[in-house]
Amino acid sequence: MTNTKFILAAVLTASATVGQSFAEESVKEESAATPKWENSVDLGLSLAKGNTDNLLIKAGYNTIKKEEFDTYALDASYAFGEENGSRNQNEFLFNSSWQRLHSEKMYSKLSLIARHDEFADIDYRVSLNATLGYYVIKNDTTELSFEAGLGVTTEDKGGVQDTYANGVVGEHFSHKFSDATKLTQNFVITPRLDDFDDYHWVFDLGIETAITETMSLKFAFENKFENQPAAGSERNDLKLITGLSYKF
């Protein structure tokens, strides 16, 4: 618990420091063009019929606002699935972040992540993280960044409630093949600091192709891994989804 309090204090101190920096910057003269929020709603489907009948539906909402130095993002999604008429997916995810660019390639980030997954027996998991990151590649078509930091997680997994300090290591990649087609990939691993065998990671890979100015086709692969899952739950949770995205 002492380590948890220390990490929480560090995260809150980082929040205050970055917040003060932002406040000082915000009093400067604003640019003529004010950045706007970019919103999208996604609906994805995976269906299989034959020896095994599978159905997976995933719906999500995403919003992002990019300013000269700051990027604000929020996304939420819900996944529902059935196999041979029995429910096998019931998952809610929420992720919000504030990223502050300190130089051409150095940035800091505050993020709040929440997850509920009935079949992984995670009643709730909420993490508050503070990280420092660096863009190895950053241009108009390609971005590759790495980040690391500390955070605090509170969860109810397998009926056991716990709060602990955690580390965070992440990698993020995106590439525009054209104005219409973009690839994105992310990997984030979160180890528990007092037990490095207790960790989980998330990997996702997606391709989005514009059909019209507001509609696009998306292909997504997701893999969530728990090294110490709840009793009776699998380590891996894989999803392969095809869907549509509407931007507004």
C-alpha atoms as a PDB file:
ATOM      1  CA  MET A   1       0.000   0.000   0.000  1.00  0.00           C
ATOM      2  CA  THR A   2       2.953   2.339   0.677  1.00  0.00           C
ATOM      3  CA  ASN A   3       4.154   1.855  -2.896  1.00  0.00           C
ATOM      4  CA  THR A   4       0.631   2.502  -4.172  1.00  0.00           C
ATOM      5  CA  LYS A   5       0.390   5.772  -2.256  1.00  0.00           C
ATOM      6  CA  PHE A   6       3.805   6.833  -3.560  1.00  0.00           C
ATOM      7  CA  ILE A   7       2.910   6.085  -7.180  1.00  0.00           C
ATOM      8  CA  LEU A   8      -0.477   7.806  -6.815  1.00  0.00           C
ATOM      9  CA  ALA A   9       1.271  10.886  -5.433  1.00  0.00           C
ATOM     10  CA  ALA A  10       3.706  10.805  -8.352  1.00  0.00           C
ATOM     11  CA  VAL A  11       0.871  10.536 -10.880  1.00  0.00           C
ATOM     12  CA  LEU A  12      -1.058  13.418  -9.294  1.00  0.00           C
ATOM     13  CA  THR A  13       2.117  15.545  -9.106  1.00  0.00           C
ATOM     14  CA  ALA A  14       2.750  14.903 -12.793  1.00  0.00           C
ATOM     15  CA  SER A  15      -0.862  15.860 -13.520  1.00  0.00           C
ATOM     16  CA  ALA A  16      -0.492  19.150 -11.643  1.00  0.00           C
ATOM     17  CA  THR A  17       2.823  19.969 -13.333  1.00  0.00           C
ATOM     18  CA  VAL A  18       1.524  19.314 -16.828  1.00  0.00           C
ATOM     19  CA  GLY A  19      -1.721  21.118 -15.974  1.00  0.00           C
ATOM     20  CA  GLN A  20       0.175  24.231 -14.844  1.00  0.00           C
ATOM     21  CA  SER A  21       2.208  24.162 -18.044  1.00  0.00           C
ATOM     22  CA  PHE A  22      -0.970  23.959 -20.081  1.00  0.00           C
ATOM     23  CA  ALA A  23      -2.581  26.825 -18.161  1.00  0.00           C
ATOM     24  CA  GLU A  24       0.408  29.078 -18.812  1.00  0.00           C
ATOM     25  CA  GLU A  25       0.385  28.209 -22.499  1.00  0.00           C
ATOM     26  CA  SER A  26      -3.373  28.741 -22.846  1.00  0.00           C
ATOM     27  CA  VAL A  27      -3.151  32.414 -21.928  1.00  0.00           C
ATOM     28  CA  LYS A  28      -1.083  33.047 -25.033  1.00  0.00           C
ATOM     29  CA  GLU A  29      -2.705  34.325 -28.180  1.00  0.00           C
ATOM     30  CA  GLU A  30      -4.870  31.636 -29.818  1.00  0.00           C
ATOM     31  CA  SER A  31      -4.494  30.853 -33.488  1.00  0.00           C
ATOM     32  CA  ALA A  32      -7.154  32.013 -35.927  1.00  0.00           C
ATOM     33  CA  ALA A  33      -8.245  28.467 -36.767  1.00  0.00           C
ATOM     34  CA  THR A  34      -9.665  26.792 -33.656  1.00  0.00           C
ATOM     35  CA  PRO A  35      -9.254  22.980 -33.704  1.00  0.00           C
ATOM     36  CA  LYS A  36     -12.494  21.020 -33.594  1.00  0.00           C
ATOM     37  CA  TRP A  37     -13.437  17.674 -32.150  1.00  0.00           C
ATOM     38  CA  GLU A  38     -13.422  14.846 -34.688  1.00  0.00           C
ATOM     39  CA  ASN A  39     -16.112  12.278 -33.860  1.00  0.00           C
ATOM     40  CA  SER A  40     -16.906   8.826 -35.206  1.00  0.00           C
ATOM     41  CA  VAL A  41     -19.287   5.966 -34.478  1.00  0.00           C
ATOM     42  CA  ASP A  42     -18.241   2.401 -35.315  1.00  0.00           C
ATOM     43  CA  LEU A  43     -20.280  -0.753 -35.821  1.00  0.00           C
ATOM     44  CA  GLY A  44     -18.518  -4.069 -36.427  1.00  0.00           C
ATOM     45  CA  LEU A  45     -19.655  -7.637 -37.023  1.00  0.00           C
ATOM     46  CA  SER A  46     -18.119 -11.102 -37.104  1.00  0.00           C
ATOM     47  CA  LEU A  47     -20.366 -14.017 -38.114  1.00  0.00           C
ATOM     48  CA  ALA A  48     -19.748 -17.733 -38.672  1.00  0.00           C
ATOM     49  CA  LYS A  49     -22.294 -20.438 -39.546  1.00  0.00           C
ATOM     50  CA  GLY A  50     -21.797 -24.187 -39.887  1.00  0.00           C
ATOM     51  CA  ASN A  51     -20.539 -26.686 -37.343  1.00  0.00           C
ATOM     52  CA  THR A  52     -20.250 -23.762 -34.936  1.00  0.00           C
ATOM     53  CA  ASP A  53     -22.487 -20.694 -34.998  1.00  0.00           C
ATOM     54  CA  ASN A  54     -20.639 -17.582 -33.849  1.00  0.00           C
ATOM     55  CA  LEU A  55     -21.809 -13.997 -33.637  1.00  0.00           C
ATOM     56  CA  LEU A  56     -19.815 -10.992 -32.436  1.00  0.00           C
ATOM     57  CA  ILE A  57     -21.086  -7.416 -32.519  1.00  0.00           C
ATOM     58  CA  LYS A  58     -18.976  -4.461 -31.456  1.00  0.00           C
ATOM     59  CA  ALA A  59     -20.099  -0.831 -31.280  1.00  0.00           C
ATOM     60  CA  GLY A  60     -17.936   2.137 -30.384  1.00  0.00           C
ATOM     61  CA  TYR A  61     -17.653   5.905 -30.149  1.00  0.00           C
ATOM     62  CA  ASN A  62     -14.419   7.854 -30.677  1.00  0.00           C
ATOM     63  CA  THR A  63     -13.588  11.523 -30.397  1.00  0.00           C
ATOM     64  CA  ILE A  64     -10.287  13.375 -30.693  1.00  0.00           C
ATOM     65  CA  LYS A  65      -9.140  16.986 -30.705  1.00  0.00           C
ATOM     66  CA  LYS A  66      -5.654  17.953 -31.874  1.00  0.00           C
ATOM     67  CA  GLU A  67      -4.217  21.339 -30.981  1.00  0.00           C
ATOM     68  CA  GLU A  68      -0.719  22.701 -31.536  1.00  0.00           C
ATOM     69  CA  PHE A  69       0.694  21.111 -28.385  1.00  0.00           C
ATOM     70  CA  ASP A  70      -2.195  19.143 -26.886  1.00  0.00           C
ATOM     71  CA  THR A  71      -4.201  16.148 -28.046  1.00  0.00           C
ATOM     72  CA  TYR A  72      -7.370  15.055 -26.239  1.00  0.00           C
ATOM     73  CA  ALA A  73      -8.918  11.671 -27.015  1.00  0.00           C
ATOM     74  CA  LEU A  74     -11.749   9.502 -25.749  1.00  0.00           C
ATOM     75  CA  ASP A  75     -13.140   6.203 -26.952  1.00  0.00           C
ATOM     76  CA  ALA A  76     -15.688   3.769 -25.597  1.00  0.00           C
ATOM     77  CA  SER A  77     -16.820   0.423 -26.975  1.00  0.00           C
ATOM     78  CA  TYR A  78     -19.109  -2.485 -26.176  1.00  0.00           C
ATOM     79  CA  ALA A  79     -18.762  -6.045 -27.496  1.00  0.00           C
ATOM     80  CA  PHE A  80     -21.477  -8.706 -27.394  1.00  0.00           C
ATOM     81  CA  GLY A  81     -21.022 -12.269 -28.635  1.00  0.00           C
ATOM     82  CA  GLU A  82     -22.770 -15.630 -28.831  1.00  0.00           C
ATOM     83  CA  GLU A  83     -21.645 -19.158 -29.690  1.00  0.00           C
ATOM     84  CA  ASN A  84     -24.290 -21.767 -30.549  1.00  0.00           C
ATOM     85  CA  GLY A  85     -26.911 -19.574 -28.908  1.00  0.00           C
ATOM     86  CA  SER A  86     -25.010 -19.079 -25.643  1.00  0.00           C
ATOM     87  CA  ARG A  87     -23.508 -15.714 -24.776  1.00  0.00           C
ATOM     88  CA  ASN A  88     -19.695 -15.708 -24.700  1.00  0.00           C
ATOM     89  CA  GLN A  89     -18.812 -11.998 -24.960  1.00  0.00           C
ATOM     90  CA  ASN A  90     -19.925  -9.111 -22.768  1.00  0.00           C
ATOM     91  CA  GLU A  91     -17.239  -6.446 -22.568  1.00  0.00           C
ATOM     92  CA  PHE A  92     -17.166  -2.684 -22.060  1.00  0.00           C
ATOM     93  CA  LEU A  93     -14.024  -0.588 -22.603  1.00  0.00           C
ATOM     94  CA  PHE A  94     -13.338   3.095 -21.923  1.00  0.00           C
ATOM     95  CA  ASN A  95     -10.150   5.014 -22.630  1.00  0.00           C
ATOM     96  CA  SER A  96      -9.448   8.734 -22.298  1.00  0.00           C
ATOM     97  CA  SER A  97      -6.129  10.542 -22.603  1.00  0.00           C
ATOM     98  CA  TRP A  98      -4.461  13.945 -22.658  1.00  0.00           C
ATOM     99  CA  GLN A  99      -1.163  14.148 -24.495  1.00  0.00           C
ATOM    100  CA  ARG A 100       1.109  17.181 -24.242  1.00  0.00           C
ATOM    101  CA  LEU A 101       3.897  17.769 -26.780  1.00  0.00           C
ATOM    102  CA  HIS A 102       6.964  19.302 -25.078  1.00  0.00           C
ATOM    103  CA  SER A 103       9.289  19.359 -28.085  1.00  0.00           C
ATOM    104  CA  GLU A 104       9.172  18.176 -31.665  1.00  0.00           C
ATOM    105  CA  LYS A 105       9.266  14.528 -30.534  1.00  0.00           C
ATOM    106  CA  MET A 106       8.983  14.397 -26.717  1.00  0.00           C
ATOM    107  CA  TYR A 107       5.573  14.199 -25.030  1.00  0.00           C
ATOM    108  CA  SER A 108       3.821  13.363 -21.777  1.00  0.00           C
ATOM    109  CA  LYS A 109       0.467  11.669 -21.405  1.00  0.00           C
ATOM    110  CA  LEU A 110      -2.197  11.189 -18.756  1.00  0.00           C
ATOM    111  CA  SER A 111      -4.673   8.386 -19.362  1.00  0.00           C
ATOM    112  CA  LEU A 112      -7.692   6.870 -17.648  1.00  0.00           C
ATOM    113  CA  ILE A 113      -8.630   3.332 -18.706  1.00  0.00           C
ATOM    114  CA  ALA A 114     -11.613   1.260 -17.569  1.00  0.00           C
ATOM    115  CA  ARG A 115     -12.707  -2.276 -18.440  1.00  0.00           C
ATOM    116  CA  HIS A 116     -15.562  -4.616 -17.584  1.00  0.00           C
ATOM    117  CA  ASP A 117     -15.413  -8.143 -19.009  1.00  0.00           C
ATOM    118  CA  GLU A 118     -17.922 -10.695 -17.789  1.00  0.00           C
ATOM    119  CA  PHE A 119     -16.221 -13.736 -19.309  1.00  0.00           C
ATOM    120  CA  ALA A 120     -12.706 -12.757 -18.206  1.00  0.00           C
ATOM    121  CA  ASP A 121     -14.310 -12.382 -14.747  1.00  0.00           C
ATOM    122  CA  ILE A 122     -13.167  -8.763 -14.518  1.00  0.00           C
ATOM    123  CA  ASP A 123     -16.029  -6.950 -12.819  1.00  0.00           C
ATOM    124  CA  TYR A 124     -14.064  -3.713 -13.102  1.00  0.00           C
ATOM    125  CA  ARG A 125     -10.521  -2.557 -13.724  1.00  0.00           C
ATOM    126  CA  VAL A 126      -9.698   1.169 -13.635  1.00  0.00           C
ATOM    127  CA  SER A 127      -6.181   2.510 -14.221  1.00  0.00           C
ATOM    128  CA  LEU A 128      -4.806   6.049 -13.974  1.00  0.00           C
ATOM    129  CA  ASN A 129      -1.437   6.328 -15.741  1.00  0.00           C
ATOM    130  CA  ALA A 130       1.174   9.020 -16.371  1.00  0.00           C
ATOM    131  CA  THR A 131       3.774   8.363 -19.077  1.00  0.00           C
ATOM    132  CA  LEU A 132       6.599  10.035 -20.983  1.00  0.00           C
ATOM    133  CA  GLY A 133       6.957   9.255 -24.666  1.00  0.00           C
ATOM    134  CA  TYR A 134       9.163   9.868 -27.681  1.00  0.00           C
ATOM    135  CA  TYR A 135       8.397   9.862 -31.408  1.00  0.00           C
ATOM    136  CA  VAL A 136      11.052   7.866 -33.250  1.00  0.00           C
ATOM    137  CA  ILE A 137       9.277   8.740 -36.506  1.00  0.00           C
ATOM    138  CA  LYS A 138       6.918  11.685 -36.886  1.00  0.00           C
ATOM    139  CA  ASN A 139       5.956  13.050 -40.301  1.00  0.00           C
ATOM    140  CA  ASP A 140       2.862  13.595 -42.439  1.00  0.00           C
ATOM    141  CA  THR A 141       2.473   9.906 -43.323  1.00  0.00           C
ATOM    142  CA  THR A 142       4.096   7.854 -40.552  1.00  0.00           C
ATOM    143  CA  GLU A 143       4.289   8.017 -36.759  1.00  0.00           C
ATOM    144  CA  LEU A 144       6.083   5.616 -34.410  1.00  0.00           C
ATOM    145  CA  SER A 145       6.358   6.346 -30.700  1.00  0.00           C
ATOM    146  CA  PHE A 146       7.373   4.592 -27.487  1.00  0.00           C
ATOM    147  CA  GLU A 147       6.325   5.539 -23.959  1.00  0.00           C
ATOM    148  CA  ALA A 148       6.781   4.371 -20.379  1.00  0.00           C
ATOM    149  CA  GLY A 149       5.473   5.443 -17.007  1.00  0.00           C
ATOM    150  CA  LEU A 150       3.703   4.606 -13.761  1.00  0.00           C
ATOM    151  CA  GLY A 151       0.140   4.354 -12.605  1.00  0.00           C
ATOM    152  CA  VAL A 152      -2.383   3.058 -10.097  1.00  0.00           C
ATOM    153  CA  THR A 153      -4.954   0.332 -10.786  1.00  0.00           C
ATOM    154  CA  THR A 154      -8.009  -0.708  -8.821  1.00  0.00           C
ATOM    155  CA  GLU A 155      -9.860  -3.842  -9.875  1.00  0.00           C
ATOM    156  CA  ASP A 156     -12.203  -6.676  -9.023  1.00  0.00           C
ATOM    157  CA  LYS A 157     -10.893  -9.788 -10.799  1.00  0.00           C
ATOM    158  CA  GLY A 158     -12.241 -13.215  -9.969  1.00  0.00           C
ATOM    159  CA  GLY A 159     -14.155 -11.759  -7.032  1.00  0.00           C
ATOM    160  CA  VAL A 160     -10.963 -10.373  -5.453  1.00  0.00           C
ATOM    161  CA  GLN A 161     -10.786  -6.599  -5.001  1.00  0.00           C
ATOM    162  CA  ASP A 162      -7.356  -4.987  -5.041  1.00  0.00           C
ATOM    163  CA  THR A 163      -5.536  -1.692  -5.590  1.00  0.00           C
ATOM    164  CA  TYR A 164      -1.899  -1.638  -6.653  1.00  0.00           C
ATOM    165  CA  ALA A 165       0.855   0.343  -8.351  1.00  0.00           C
ATOM    166  CA  ASN A 166       1.612  -0.559 -11.942  1.00  0.00           C
ATOM    167  CA  GLY A 167       4.104   0.203 -14.660  1.00  0.00           C
ATOM    168  CA  VAL A 168       3.177   1.042 -18.266  1.00  0.00           C
ATOM    169  CA  VAL A 169       5.167   0.471 -21.460  1.00  0.00           C
ATOM    170  CA  GLY A 170       3.603   1.246 -24.821  1.00  0.00           C
ATOM    171  CA  GLU A 171       4.320   1.372 -28.544  1.00  0.00           C
ATOM    172  CA  HIS A 172       2.133   3.138 -31.123  1.00  0.00           C
ATOM    173  CA  PHE A 173       2.403   3.111 -34.918  1.00  0.00           C
ATOM    174  CA  SER A 174       0.355   4.627 -37.740  1.00  0.00           C
ATOM    175  CA  HIS A 175       0.910   4.954 -41.479  1.00  0.00           C
ATOM    176  CA  LYS A 176      -1.121   6.596 -44.243  1.00  0.00           C
ATOM    177  CA  PHE A 177      -0.904   4.654 -47.494  1.00  0.00           C
ATOM    178  CA  SER A 178      -2.990   7.375 -49.135  1.00  0.00           C
ATOM    179  CA  ASP A 179      -5.519  10.048 -48.209  1.00  0.00           C
ATOM    180  CA  ALA A 180      -8.123   7.273 -48.057  1.00  0.00           C
ATOM    181  CA  THR A 181      -6.293   4.375 -46.357  1.00  0.00           C
ATOM    182  CA  LYS A 182      -4.586   4.275 -42.967  1.00  0.00           C
ATOM    183  CA  LEU A 183      -3.054   1.534 -40.810  1.00  0.00           C
ATOM    184  CA  THR A 184      -2.800   1.781 -37.013  1.00  0.00           C
ATOM    185  CA  GLN A 185      -1.158  -0.539 -34.479  1.00  0.00           C
ATOM    186  CA  ASN A 186      -0.778  -0.315 -30.697  1.00  0.00           C
ATOM    187  CA  PHE A 187       0.809  -2.450 -27.986  1.00  0.00           C
ATOM    188  CA  VAL A 188       0.637  -1.656 -24.259  1.00  0.00           C
ATOM    189  CA  ILE A 189       1.840  -3.875 -21.410  1.00  0.00           C
ATOM    190  CA  THR A 190       0.941  -3.171 -17.780  1.00  0.00           C
ATOM    191  CA  PRO A 191       2.864  -5.070 -15.072  1.00  0.00           C
ATOM    192  CA  ARG A 192       2.049  -4.998 -11.393  1.00  0.00           C
ATOM    193  CA  LEU A 193       5.040  -3.482  -9.573  1.00  0.00           C
ATOM    194  CA  ASP A 194       4.912  -5.746  -6.515  1.00  0.00           C
ATOM    195  CA  ASP A 195       4.475  -8.902  -8.634  1.00  0.00           C
ATOM    196  CA  PHE A 196       5.947  -8.798 -12.150  1.00  0.00           C
ATOM    197  CA  ASP A 197       4.341 -12.159 -12.975  1.00  0.00           C
ATOM    198  CA  ASP A 198       0.962 -10.419 -12.734  1.00  0.00           C
ATOM    199  CA  TYR A 199       0.729  -8.429 -15.946  1.00  0.00           C
ATOM    200  CA  HIS A 200      -1.607  -7.910 -18.869  1.00  0.00           C
ATOM    201  CA  TRP A 201      -1.119  -6.549 -22.346  1.00  0.00           C
ATOM    202  CA  VAL A 202      -3.248  -5.358 -25.239  1.00  0.00           C
ATOM    203  CA  PHE A 203      -2.358  -5.504 -28.936  1.00  0.00           C
ATOM    204  CA  ASP A 204      -4.507  -4.091 -31.718  1.00  0.00           C
ATOM    205  CA  LEU A 205      -4.073  -3.725 -35.464  1.00  0.00           C
ATOM    206  CA  GLY A 206      -6.489  -1.956 -37.788  1.00  0.00           C
ATOM    207  CA  ILE A 207      -6.874  -0.793 -41.378  1.00  0.00           C
ATOM    208  CA  GLU A 208      -9.372   1.894 -42.341  1.00  0.00           C
ATOM    209  CA  THR A 209     -10.345   2.802 -45.913  1.00  0.00           C
ATOM    210  CA  ALA A 210     -12.610   5.727 -46.751  1.00  0.00           C
ATOM    211  CA  ILE A 211     -15.684   4.974 -48.865  1.00  0.00           C
ATOM    212  CA  THR A 212     -17.105   8.496 -48.803  1.00  0.00           C
ATOM    213  CA  GLU A 213     -16.184  11.698 -46.968  1.00  0.00           C
ATOM    214  CA  THR A 214     -18.015  10.501 -43.858  1.00  0.00           C
ATOM    215  CA  MET A 215     -18.103   6.707 -44.179  1.00  0.00           C
ATOM    216  CA  SER A 216     -15.216   4.236 -44.054  1.00  0.00           C
ATOM    217  CA  LEU A 217     -14.628   0.486 -43.937  1.00  0.00           C
ATOM    218  CA  LYS A 218     -12.593  -0.884 -41.026  1.00  0.00           C
ATOM    219  CA  PHE A 219     -10.813  -4.183 -40.373  1.00  0.00           C
ATOM    220  CA  ALA A 220      -9.586  -4.734 -36.819  1.00  0.00           C
ATOM    221  CA  PHE A 221      -7.687  -7.423 -34.917  1.00  0.00           C
ATOM    222  CA  GLU A 222      -7.517  -7.322 -31.108  1.00  0.00           C
ATOM    223  CA  ASN A 223      -5.646  -9.512 -28.641  1.00  0.00           C
ATOM    224  CA  LYS A 224      -5.910  -9.060 -24.873  1.00  0.00           C
ATOM    225  CA  PHE A 225      -3.667 -11.197 -22.657  1.00  0.00           C
ATOM    226  CA  GLU A 226      -3.775 -11.833 -18.893  1.00  0.00           C
ATOM    227  CA  ASN A 227      -0.736 -13.660 -17.484  1.00  0.00           C
ATOM    228  CA  GLN A 228      -2.667 -14.410 -14.289  1.00  0.00           C
ATOM    229  CA  PRO A 229      -6.319 -14.646 -15.349  1.00  0.00           C
ATOM    230  CA  ALA A 230      -9.188 -15.230 -12.984  1.00  0.00           C
ATOM    231  CA  ALA A 231      -9.842 -18.887 -12.148  1.00  0.00           C
ATOM    232  CA  GLY A 232     -11.663 -20.588 -15.009  1.00  0.00           C
ATOM    233  CA  SER A 233     -10.823 -17.838 -17.528  1.00  0.00           C
ATOM    234  CA  GLU A 234      -8.548 -18.039 -20.559  1.00  0.00           C
ATOM    235  CA  ARG A 235      -5.369 -15.991 -20.874  1.00  0.00           C
ATOM    236  CA  ASN A 236      -6.109 -14.735 -24.382  1.00  0.00           C
ATOM    237  CA  ASP A 237      -9.132 -12.918 -25.773  1.00  0.00           C
ATOM    238  CA  LEU A 238      -8.993 -12.561 -29.573  1.00  0.00           C
ATOM    239  CA  LYS A 239     -11.322 -10.587 -31.826  1.00  0.00           C
ATOM    240  CA  LEU A 240     -11.329 -10.146 -35.620  1.00  0.00           C
ATOM    241  CA  ILE A 241     -13.932  -7.631 -36.725  1.00  0.00           C
ATOM    242  CA  THR A 242     -15.080  -6.021 -39.973  1.00  0.00           C
ATOM    243  CA  GLY A 243     -17.186  -2.895 -39.675  1.00  0.00           C
ATOM    244  CA  LEU A 244     -18.209   0.563 -40.775  1.00  0.00           C
ATOM    245  CA  SER A 245     -17.274   3.913 -39.280  1.00  0.00           C
ATOM    246  CA  TYR A 246     -19.309   7.113 -39.622  1.00  0.00           C
ATOM    247  CA  LYS A 247     -17.523  10.417 -39.024  1.00  0.00           C
ATOM    248  CA  PHE A 248     -19.225  13.649 -37.993  1.00  0.00           C
END
